[in-house]
mmCIF file of all heavy atoms, coordinates in Angstrom:
data_MODEL
# 
_entry.id   MODEL 
# 
loop_
_atom_site.group_PDB 
_atom_site.id 
_atom_site.type_symbol 
_atom_site.label_atom_id 
_atom_site.label_alt_id 
_atom_site.label_comp_id 
_atom_site.label_asym_id 
_atom_site.label_entity_id 
_atom_site.label_seq_id 
_atom_site.pdbx_PDB_ins_code 
_atom_site.Cartn_x 
_atom_site.Cartn_y 
_atom_site.Cartn_z 
_atom_site.occupancy 
_atom_site.B_iso_or_equiv 
_atom_site.pdbx_formal_charge 
_atom_site.auth_seq_id 
_atom_site.auth_comp_id 
_atom_site.auth_asym_id 
_atom_site.auth_atom_id 
_atom_site.pdbx_PDB_model_num 
ATOM 1   N N   . TYR A 1 1  ? 4.692  -10.355 16.250 1.00 0.00 ? 1  TYR A N   1 
ATOM 2   C CA  . TYR A 1 1  ? 4.457  -9.374  15.138 1.00 0.00 ? 1  TYR A CA  1 
ATOM 3   C C   . TYR A 1 1  ? 5.819  -9.213  14.436 1.00 0.00 ? 1  TYR A C   1 
ATOM 4   O O   . TYR A 1 1  ? 6.806  -8.790  15.059 1.00 0.00 ? 1  TYR A O   1 
ATOM 5   C CB  . TYR A 1 1  ? 3.866  -8.119  15.520 1.00 0.00 ? 1  TYR A CB  1 
ATOM 6   C CG  . TYR A 1 1  ? 2.408  -8.129  15.788 1.00 0.00 ? 1  TYR A CG  1 
ATOM 7   C CD1 . TYR A 1 1  ? 1.822  -8.785  16.873 1.00 0.00 ? 1  TYR A CD1 1 
ATOM 8   C CD2 . TYR A 1 1  ? 1.481  -7.573  14.926 1.00 0.00 ? 1  TYR A CD2 1 
ATOM 9   C CE1 . TYR A 1 1  ? 0.534  -8.887  17.212 1.00 0.00 ? 1  TYR A CE1 1 
ATOM 10  C CE2 . TYR A 1 1  ? 0.235  -7.688  15.133 1.00 0.00 ? 1  TYR A CE2 1 
ATOM 11  C CZ  . TYR A 1 1  ? -0.346 -8.272  16.281 1.00 0.00 ? 1  TYR A CZ  1 
ATOM 12  O OH  . TYR A 1 1  ? -1.671 -8.351  16.489 1.00 0.00 ? 1  TYR A OH  1 
ATOM 13  N N   . TYR A 1 2  ? 5.825  -9.272  13.070 1.00 0.00 ? 2  TYR A N   1 
ATOM 14  C CA  . TYR A 1 2  ? 6.971  -9.066  12.247 1.00 0.00 ? 2  TYR A CA  1 
ATOM 15  C C   . TYR A 1 2  ? 6.719  -7.985  11.254 1.00 0.00 ? 2  TYR A C   1 
ATOM 16  O O   . TYR A 1 2  ? 5.622  -7.809  10.714 1.00 0.00 ? 2  TYR A O   1 
ATOM 17  C CB  . TYR A 1 2  ? 7.433  -10.360 11.444 1.00 0.00 ? 2  TYR A CB  1 
ATOM 18  C CG  . TYR A 1 2  ? 7.579  -11.614 12.323 1.00 0.00 ? 2  TYR A CG  1 
ATOM 19  C CD1 . TYR A 1 2  ? 6.603  -12.376 12.747 1.00 0.00 ? 2  TYR A CD1 1 
ATOM 20  C CD2 . TYR A 1 2  ? 8.902  -11.881 12.684 1.00 0.00 ? 2  TYR A CD2 1 
ATOM 21  C CE1 . TYR A 1 2  ? 6.819  -13.513 13.509 1.00 0.00 ? 2  TYR A CE1 1 
ATOM 22  C CE2 . TYR A 1 2  ? 9.140  -13.099 13.417 1.00 0.00 ? 2  TYR A CE2 1 
ATOM 23  C CZ  . TYR A 1 2  ? 8.015  -13.903 13.838 1.00 0.00 ? 2  TYR A CZ  1 
ATOM 24  O OH  . TYR A 1 2  ? 8.287  -14.986 14.580 1.00 0.00 ? 2  TYR A OH  1 
ATOM 25  N N   . CYS A 1 3  ? 7.753  -7.282  10.832 1.00 0.00 ? 3  CYS A N   1 
ATOM 26  C CA  . CYS A 1 3  ? 7.626  -6.388  9.753  1.00 0.00 ? 3  CYS A CA  1 
ATOM 27  C C   . CYS A 1 3  ? 8.622  -6.938  8.675  1.00 0.00 ? 3  CYS A C   1 
ATOM 28  O O   . CYS A 1 3  ? 9.540  -7.701  8.902  1.00 0.00 ? 3  CYS A O   1 
ATOM 29  C CB  . CYS A 1 3  ? 8.011  -4.958  10.078 1.00 0.00 ? 3  CYS A CB  1 
ATOM 30  S SG  . CYS A 1 3  ? 9.744  -4.663  10.592 1.00 0.00 ? 3  CYS A SG  1 
ATOM 31  N N   . ALA A 1 4  ? 8.284  -6.596  7.377  1.00 0.00 ? 4  ALA A N   1 
ATOM 32  C CA  . ALA A 1 4  ? 9.081  -7.107  6.242  1.00 0.00 ? 4  ALA A CA  1 
ATOM 33  C C   . ALA A 1 4  ? 9.099  -6.109  5.301  1.00 0.00 ? 4  ALA A C   1 
ATOM 34  O O   . ALA A 1 4  ? 8.167  -5.363  4.996  1.00 0.00 ? 4  ALA A O   1 
ATOM 35  C CB  . ALA A 1 4  ? 8.456  -8.432  5.676  1.00 0.00 ? 4  ALA A CB  1 
ATOM 36  N N   . ALA A 1 5  ? 10.178 -6.054  4.454  1.00 0.00 ? 5  ALA A N   1 
ATOM 37  C CA  . ALA A 1 5  ? 10.507 -5.036  3.412  1.00 0.00 ? 5  ALA A CA  1 
ATOM 38  C C   . ALA A 1 5  ? 10.448 -5.773  2.041  1.00 0.00 ? 5  ALA A C   1 
ATOM 39  O O   . ALA A 1 5  ? 10.920 -6.781  1.992  1.00 0.00 ? 5  ALA A O   1 
ATOM 40  C CB  . ALA A 1 5  ? 11.700 -4.303  3.688  1.00 0.00 ? 5  ALA A CB  1 
ATOM 41  N N   . ARG A 1 6  ? 9.838  -5.170  1.115  1.00 0.00 ? 6  ARG A N   1 
ATOM 42  C CA  . ARG A 1 6  ? 9.794  -5.566  -0.294 1.00 0.00 ? 6  ARG A CA  1 
ATOM 43  C C   . ARG A 1 6  ? 10.544 -4.594  -1.164 1.00 0.00 ? 6  ARG A C   1 
ATOM 44  O O   . ARG A 1 6  ? 10.177 -3.418  -1.053 1.00 0.00 ? 6  ARG A O   1 
ATOM 45  C CB  . ARG A 1 6  ? 8.329  -5.775  -0.730 1.00 0.00 ? 6  ARG A CB  1 
ATOM 46  C CG  . ARG A 1 6  ? 8.236  -6.316  -2.126 1.00 0.00 ? 6  ARG A CG  1 
ATOM 47  C CD  . ARG A 1 6  ? 6.830  -6.208  -2.687 1.00 0.00 ? 6  ARG A CD  1 
ATOM 48  N NE  . ARG A 1 6  ? 6.649  -6.890  -3.962 1.00 0.00 ? 6  ARG A NE  1 
ATOM 49  C CZ  . ARG A 1 6  ? 5.703  -6.570  -4.795 1.00 0.00 ? 6  ARG A CZ  1 
ATOM 50  N NH1 . ARG A 1 6  ? 4.841  -5.622  -4.605 1.00 0.00 ? 6  ARG A NH1 1 
ATOM 51  N NH2 . ARG A 1 6  ? 5.552  -7.282  -5.890 1.00 0.00 ? 6  ARG A NH2 1 
ATOM 52  N N   . SER A 1 7  ? 11.438 -5.123  -1.921 1.00 0.00 ? 7  SER A N   1 
ATOM 53  C CA  . SER A 1 7  ? 12.353 -4.204  -2.852 1.00 0.00 ? 7  SER A CA  1 
ATOM 54  C C   . SER A 1 7  ? 11.523 -3.712  -3.979 1.00 0.00 ? 7  SER A C   1 
ATOM 55  O O   . SER A 1 7  ? 12.045 -3.740  -5.061 1.00 0.00 ? 7  SER A O   1 
ATOM 56  C CB  . SER A 1 7  ? 13.589 -4.863  -3.135 1.00 0.00 ? 7  SER A CB  1 
ATOM 57  O OG  . SER A 1 7  ? 13.480 -6.000  -3.860 1.00 0.00 ? 7  SER A OG  1 
ATOM 58  N N   . VAL A 1 8  ? 10.282 -3.369  -3.846 1.00 0.00 ? 8  VAL A N   1 
ATOM 59  C CA  . VAL A 1 8  ? 9.403  -2.844  -4.837 1.00 0.00 ? 8  VAL A CA  1 
ATOM 60  C C   . VAL A 1 8  ? 8.608  -1.860  -4.162 1.00 0.00 ? 8  VAL A C   1 
ATOM 61  O O   . VAL A 1 8  ? 8.239  -1.950  -2.985 1.00 0.00 ? 8  VAL A O   1 
ATOM 62  C CB  . VAL A 1 8  ? 8.419  -3.982  -5.486 1.00 0.00 ? 8  VAL A CB  1 
ATOM 63  C CG1 . VAL A 1 8  ? 7.482  -3.355  -6.542 1.00 0.00 ? 8  VAL A CG1 1 
ATOM 64  C CG2 . VAL A 1 8  ? 9.329  -5.097  -6.152 1.00 0.00 ? 8  VAL A CG2 1 
ATOM 65  N N   . ALA A 1 9  ? 8.184  -0.762  -4.847 1.00 0.00 ? 9  ALA A N   1 
ATOM 66  C CA  . ALA A 1 9  ? 7.394  0.339   -4.297 1.00 0.00 ? 9  ALA A CA  1 
ATOM 67  C C   . ALA A 1 9  ? 6.036  -0.094  -3.869 1.00 0.00 ? 9  ALA A C   1 
ATOM 68  O O   . ALA A 1 9  ? 5.604  0.512   -2.841 1.00 0.00 ? 9  ALA A O   1 
ATOM 69  C CB  . ALA A 1 9  ? 7.417  1.478   -5.201 1.00 0.00 ? 9  ALA A CB  1 
ATOM 70  N N   . SER A 1 10 ? 5.364  -0.848  -4.567 1.00 0.00 ? 10 SER A N   1 
ATOM 71  C CA  . SER A 1 10 ? 3.981  -1.182  -4.313 1.00 0.00 ? 10 SER A CA  1 
ATOM 72  C C   . SER A 1 10 ? 3.723  -2.535  -3.454 1.00 0.00 ? 10 SER A C   1 
ATOM 73  O O   . SER A 1 10 ? 4.670  -3.417  -3.437 1.00 0.00 ? 10 SER A O   1 
ATOM 74  C CB  . SER A 1 10 ? 3.308  -1.384  -5.614 1.00 0.00 ? 10 SER A CB  1 
ATOM 75  O OG  . SER A 1 10 ? 3.768  -2.456  -6.389 1.00 0.00 ? 10 SER A OG  1 
ATOM 76  N N   . CYS A 1 11 ? 2.671  -2.536  -2.770 1.00 0.00 ? 11 CYS A N   1 
ATOM 77  C CA  . CYS A 1 11 ? 2.371  -3.824  -2.050 1.00 0.00 ? 11 CYS A CA  1 
ATOM 78  C C   . CYS A 1 11 ? 2.112  -4.820  -3.083 1.00 0.00 ? 11 CYS A C   1 
ATOM 79  O O   . CYS A 1 11 ? 1.505  -4.546  -4.098 1.00 0.00 ? 11 CYS A O   1 
ATOM 80  C CB  . CYS A 1 11 ? 1.076  -3.548  -1.149 1.00 0.00 ? 11 CYS A CB  1 
ATOM 81  S SG  . CYS A 1 11 ? 1.489  -2.412  0.263  1.00 0.00 ? 11 CYS A SG  1 
ATOM 82  N N   . PRO A 1 12 ? 2.341  -6.164  -2.667 1.00 0.00 ? 12 PRO A N   1 
ATOM 83  C CA  . PRO A 1 12 ? 2.066  -7.158  -3.580 1.00 0.00 ? 12 PRO A CA  1 
ATOM 84  C C   . PRO A 1 12 ? 0.623  -7.501  -3.616 1.00 0.00 ? 12 PRO A C   1 
ATOM 85  O O   . PRO A 1 12 ? -0.214 -6.912  -2.951 1.00 0.00 ? 12 PRO A O   1 
ATOM 86  C CB  . PRO A 1 12 ? 2.859  -8.359  -3.028 1.00 0.00 ? 12 PRO A CB  1 
ATOM 87  C CG  . PRO A 1 12 ? 2.990  -8.046  -1.551 1.00 0.00 ? 12 PRO A CG  1 
ATOM 88  C CD  . PRO A 1 12 ? 3.076  -6.552  -1.490 1.00 0.00 ? 12 PRO A CD  1 
ATOM 89  N N   . GLY A 1 13 ? 0.266  -8.542  -4.536 1.00 0.00 ? 13 GLY A N   1 
ATOM 90  C CA  . GLY A 1 13 ? -1.122 -8.793  -4.567 1.00 0.00 ? 13 GLY A CA  1 
ATOM 91  C C   . GLY A 1 13 ? -1.606 -9.652  -3.366 1.00 0.00 ? 13 GLY A C   1 
ATOM 92  O O   . GLY A 1 13 ? -0.884 -9.659  -2.299 1.00 0.00 ? 13 GLY A O   1 
ATOM 93  N N   . SER A 1 14 ? -2.858 -9.986  -3.319 1.00 0.00 ? 14 SER A N   1 
ATOM 94  C CA  . SER A 1 14 ? -3.493 -10.554 -2.056 1.00 0.00 ? 14 SER A CA  1 
ATOM 95  C C   . SER A 1 14 ? -3.496 -9.665  -1.028 1.00 0.00 ? 14 SER A C   1 
ATOM 96  O O   . SER A 1 14 ? -3.106 -9.972  0.232  1.00 0.00 ? 14 SER A O   1 
ATOM 97  C CB  . SER A 1 14 ? -2.761 -11.859 -1.782 1.00 0.00 ? 14 SER A CB  1 
ATOM 98  O OG  . SER A 1 14 ? -2.816 -12.814 -2.849 1.00 0.00 ? 14 SER A OG  1 
ATOM 99  N N   . ARG A 1 15 ? -3.651 -8.360  -1.167 1.00 0.00 ? 15 ARG A N   1 
ATOM 100 C CA  . ARG A 1 15 ? -3.753 -7.274  -0.172 1.00 0.00 ? 15 ARG A CA  1 
ATOM 101 C C   . ARG A 1 15 ? -2.526 -7.174  0.638  1.00 0.00 ? 15 ARG A C   1 
ATOM 102 O O   . ARG A 1 15 ? -2.478 -6.949  1.793  1.00 0.00 ? 15 ARG A O   1 
ATOM 103 C CB  . ARG A 1 15 ? -4.960 -7.535  0.809  1.00 0.00 ? 15 ARG A CB  1 
ATOM 104 C CG  . ARG A 1 15 ? -6.337 -7.450  -0.025 1.00 0.00 ? 15 ARG A CG  1 
ATOM 105 C CD  . ARG A 1 15 ? -7.508 -7.493  0.978  1.00 0.00 ? 15 ARG A CD  1 
ATOM 106 N NE  . ARG A 1 15 ? -7.603 -8.748  1.612  1.00 0.00 ? 15 ARG A NE  1 
ATOM 107 C CZ  . ARG A 1 15 ? -8.509 -9.023  2.516  1.00 0.00 ? 15 ARG A CZ  1 
ATOM 108 N NH1 . ARG A 1 15 ? -9.437 -8.025  2.872  1.00 0.00 ? 15 ARG A NH1 1 
ATOM 109 N NH2 . ARG A 1 15 ? -8.634 -10.203 3.186  1.00 0.00 ? 15 ARG A NH2 1 
ATOM 110 N N   . GLY A 1 16 ? -1.362 -7.366  -0.046 1.00 0.00 ? 16 GLY A N   1 
ATOM 111 C CA  . GLY A 1 16 ? -0.093 -7.223  0.492  1.00 0.00 ? 16 GLY A CA  1 
ATOM 112 C C   . GLY A 1 16 ? 0.386  -8.301  1.466  1.00 0.00 ? 16 GLY A C   1 
ATOM 113 O O   . GLY A 1 16 ? 1.442  -8.172  2.137  1.00 0.00 ? 16 GLY A O   1 
ATOM 114 N N   . MET A 1 17 ? -0.351 -9.446  1.460  1.00 0.00 ? 17 MET A N   1 
ATOM 115 C CA  . MET A 1 17 ? -0.057 -10.540 2.376  1.00 0.00 ? 17 MET A CA  1 
ATOM 116 C C   . MET A 1 17 ? 0.720  -11.659 1.763  1.00 0.00 ? 17 MET A C   1 
ATOM 117 O O   . MET A 1 17 ? 0.876  -12.703 2.431  1.00 0.00 ? 17 MET A O   1 
ATOM 118 C CB  . MET A 1 17 ? -1.345 -11.066 2.994  1.00 0.00 ? 17 MET A CB  1 
ATOM 119 C CG  . MET A 1 17 ? -2.234 -9.956  3.661  1.00 0.00 ? 17 MET A CG  1 
ATOM 120 S SD  . MET A 1 17 ? -3.787 -10.658 4.237  1.00 0.00 ? 17 MET A SD  1 
ATOM 121 C CE  . MET A 1 17 ? -4.637 -9.072  4.354  1.00 0.00 ? 17 MET A CE  1 
ATOM 122 N N   . GLN A 1 18 ? 1.174  -11.448 0.561  1.00 0.00 ? 18 GLN A N   1 
ATOM 123 C CA  . GLN A 1 18 ? 2.012  -12.568 -0.079 1.00 0.00 ? 18 GLN A CA  1 
ATOM 124 C C   . GLN A 1 18 ? 3.438  -12.517 0.544  1.00 0.00 ? 18 GLN A C   1 
ATOM 125 O O   . GLN A 1 18 ? 4.266  -11.701 0.190  1.00 0.00 ? 18 GLN A O   1 
ATOM 126 C CB  . GLN A 1 18 ? 2.096  -12.353 -1.632 1.00 0.00 ? 18 GLN A CB  1 
ATOM 127 C CG  . GLN A 1 18 ? 2.781  -13.413 -2.347 1.00 0.00 ? 18 GLN A CG  1 
ATOM 128 C CD  . GLN A 1 18 ? 2.782  -13.204 -3.819 1.00 0.00 ? 18 GLN A CD  1 
ATOM 129 O OE1 . GLN A 1 18 ? 1.874  -12.554 -4.269 1.00 0.00 ? 18 GLN A OE1 1 
ATOM 130 N NE2 . GLN A 1 18 ? 3.771  -13.712 -4.518 1.00 0.00 ? 18 GLN A NE2 1 
ATOM 131 N N   . GLN A 1 19 ? 3.743  -13.550 1.357  1.00 0.00 ? 19 GLN A N   1 
ATOM 132 C CA  . GLN A 1 19 ? 4.923  -13.449 2.164  1.00 0.00 ? 19 GLN A CA  1 
ATOM 133 C C   . GLN A 1 19 ? 6.158  -13.596 1.306  1.00 0.00 ? 19 GLN A C   1 
ATOM 134 O O   . GLN A 1 19 ? 7.254  -13.025 1.617  1.00 0.00 ? 19 GLN A O   1 
ATOM 135 C CB  . GLN A 1 19 ? 4.970  -14.515 3.350  1.00 0.00 ? 19 GLN A CB  1 
ATOM 136 C CG  . GLN A 1 19 ? 3.765  -14.348 4.263  1.00 0.00 ? 19 GLN A CG  1 
ATOM 137 C CD  . GLN A 1 19 ? 3.836  -15.367 5.435  1.00 0.00 ? 19 GLN A CD  1 
ATOM 138 O OE1 . GLN A 1 19 ? 4.890  -15.790 5.855  1.00 0.00 ? 19 GLN A OE1 1 
ATOM 139 N NE2 . GLN A 1 19 ? 2.599  -15.767 5.871  1.00 0.00 ? 19 GLN A NE2 1 
ATOM 140 N N   . SER A 1 20 ? 6.022  -14.373 0.198  1.00 0.00 ? 20 SER A N   1 
ATOM 141 C CA  . SER A 1 20 ? 7.210  -14.679 -0.588 1.00 0.00 ? 20 SER A CA  1 
ATOM 142 C C   . SER A 1 20 ? 7.706  -13.430 -1.328 1.00 0.00 ? 20 SER A C   1 
ATOM 143 O O   . SER A 1 20 ? 8.720  -13.384 -1.957 1.00 0.00 ? 20 SER A O   1 
ATOM 144 C CB  . SER A 1 20 ? 6.860  -15.765 -1.569 1.00 0.00 ? 20 SER A CB  1 
ATOM 145 O OG  . SER A 1 20 ? 5.878  -15.415 -2.410 1.00 0.00 ? 20 SER A OG  1 
ATOM 146 N N   . ALA A 1 21 ? 6.812  -12.412 -1.318 1.00 0.00 ? 21 ALA A N   1 
ATOM 147 C CA  . ALA A 1 21 ? 7.189  -11.105 -2.064 1.00 0.00 ? 21 ALA A CA  1 
ATOM 148 C C   . ALA A 1 21 ? 8.010  -10.260 -1.338 1.00 0.00 ? 21 ALA A C   1 
ATOM 149 O O   . ALA A 1 21 ? 8.538  -9.300  -1.911 1.00 0.00 ? 21 ALA A O   1 
ATOM 150 C CB  . ALA A 1 21 ? 5.848  -10.396 -2.405 1.00 0.00 ? 21 ALA A CB  1 
ATOM 151 N N   . TYR A 1 22 ? 8.350  -10.588 -0.084 1.00 0.00 ? 22 TYR A N   1 
ATOM 152 C CA  . TYR A 1 22 ? 9.116  -9.688  0.830  1.00 0.00 ? 22 TYR A CA  1 
ATOM 153 C C   . TYR A 1 22 ? 10.501 -10.318 1.008  1.00 0.00 ? 22 TYR A C   1 
ATOM 154 O O   . TYR A 1 22 ? 10.644 -11.463 1.026  1.00 0.00 ? 22 TYR A O   1 
ATOM 155 C CB  . TYR A 1 22 ? 8.413  -9.572  2.228  1.00 0.00 ? 22 TYR A CB  1 
ATOM 156 C CG  . TYR A 1 22 ? 7.195  -8.836  2.227  1.00 0.00 ? 22 TYR A CG  1 
ATOM 157 C CD1 . TYR A 1 22 ? 5.975  -9.470  1.930  1.00 0.00 ? 22 TYR A CD1 1 
ATOM 158 C CD2 . TYR A 1 22 ? 7.181  -7.467  2.374  1.00 0.00 ? 22 TYR A CD2 1 
ATOM 159 C CE1 . TYR A 1 22 ? 4.773  -8.789  1.798  1.00 0.00 ? 22 TYR A CE1 1 
ATOM 160 C CE2 . TYR A 1 22 ? 5.905  -6.770  2.276  1.00 0.00 ? 22 TYR A CE2 1 
ATOM 161 C CZ  . TYR A 1 22 ? 4.734  -7.378  1.961  1.00 0.00 ? 22 TYR A CZ  1 
ATOM 162 O OH  . TYR A 1 22 ? 3.623  -6.718  1.934  1.00 0.00 ? 22 TYR A OH  1 
ATOM 163 N N   . ASP A 1 23 ? 11.571 -9.401  1.076  1.00 0.00 ? 23 ASP A N   1 
ATOM 164 C CA  . ASP A 1 23 ? 12.924 -9.738  0.980  1.00 0.00 ? 23 ASP A CA  1 
ATOM 165 C C   . ASP A 1 23 ? 13.618 -9.723  2.258  1.00 0.00 ? 23 ASP A C   1 
ATOM 166 O O   . ASP A 1 23 ? 14.504 -10.585 2.491  1.00 0.00 ? 23 ASP A O   1 
ATOM 167 C CB  . ASP A 1 23 ? 13.654 -8.790  -0.066 1.00 0.00 ? 23 ASP A CB  1 
ATOM 168 C CG  . ASP A 1 23 ? 12.987 -8.717  -1.397 1.00 0.00 ? 23 ASP A CG  1 
ATOM 169 O OD1 . ASP A 1 23 ? 12.831 -9.822  -2.082 1.00 0.00 ? 23 ASP A OD1 1 
ATOM 170 O OD2 . ASP A 1 23 ? 12.556 -7.632  -1.839 1.00 0.00 ? 23 ASP A OD2 1 
ATOM 171 N N   . VAL A 1 24 ? 13.276 -8.770  3.144  1.00 0.00 ? 24 VAL A N   1 
ATOM 172 C CA  . VAL A 1 24 ? 14.011 -8.635  4.410  1.00 0.00 ? 24 VAL A CA  1 
ATOM 173 C C   . VAL A 1 24 ? 12.901 -8.738  5.515  1.00 0.00 ? 24 VAL A C   1 
ATOM 174 O O   . VAL A 1 24 ? 11.858 -8.061  5.464  1.00 0.00 ? 24 VAL A O   1 
ATOM 175 C CB  . VAL A 1 24 ? 14.681 -7.358  4.494  1.00 0.00 ? 24 VAL A CB  1 
ATOM 176 C CG1 . VAL A 1 24 ? 15.477 -7.238  5.785  1.00 0.00 ? 24 VAL A CG1 1 
ATOM 177 C CG2 . VAL A 1 24 ? 15.708 -7.149  3.289  1.00 0.00 ? 24 VAL A CG2 1 
ATOM 178 N N   . TRP A 1 25 ? 13.170 -9.536  6.535  1.00 0.00 ? 25 TRP A N   1 
ATOM 179 C CA  . TRP A 1 25 ? 12.299 -9.729  7.671  1.00 0.00 ? 25 TRP A CA  1 
ATOM 180 C C   . TRP A 1 25 ? 13.115 -9.308  8.969  1.00 0.00 ? 25 TRP A C   1 
ATOM 181 O O   . TRP A 1 25 ? 14.220 -9.520  9.190  1.00 0.00 ? 25 TRP A O   1 
ATOM 182 C CB  . TRP A 1 25 ? 12.015 -11.214 7.689  1.00 0.00 ? 25 TRP A CB  1 
ATOM 183 C CG  . TRP A 1 25 ? 10.965 -11.505 6.705  1.00 0.00 ? 25 TRP A CG  1 
ATOM 184 C CD1 . TRP A 1 25 ? 11.313 -11.902 5.328  1.00 0.00 ? 25 TRP A CD1 1 
ATOM 185 C CD2 . TRP A 1 25 ? 9.590  -11.775 6.664  1.00 0.00 ? 25 TRP A CD2 1 
ATOM 186 N NE1 . TRP A 1 25 ? 10.200 -12.231 4.600  1.00 0.00 ? 25 TRP A NE1 1 
ATOM 187 C CE2 . TRP A 1 25 ? 9.142  -12.094 5.400  1.00 0.00 ? 25 TRP A CE2 1 
ATOM 188 C CE3 . TRP A 1 25 ? 8.588  -11.505 7.727  1.00 0.00 ? 25 TRP A CE3 1 
ATOM 189 C CZ2 . TRP A 1 25 ? 7.726  -12.335 5.194  1.00 0.00 ? 25 TRP A CZ2 1 
ATOM 190 C CZ3 . TRP A 1 25 ? 7.156  -11.831 7.504  1.00 0.00 ? 25 TRP A CZ3 1 
ATOM 191 C CH2 . TRP A 1 25 ? 6.866  -12.181 6.182  1.00 0.00 ? 25 TRP A CH2 1 
# 
């Protein structure tokens, strides 16, 4: 299990599962 942070306040499309939208893992 991994967590990832996105430098945007909202979850990305595709129910938050768009991996390319996350910046830090």
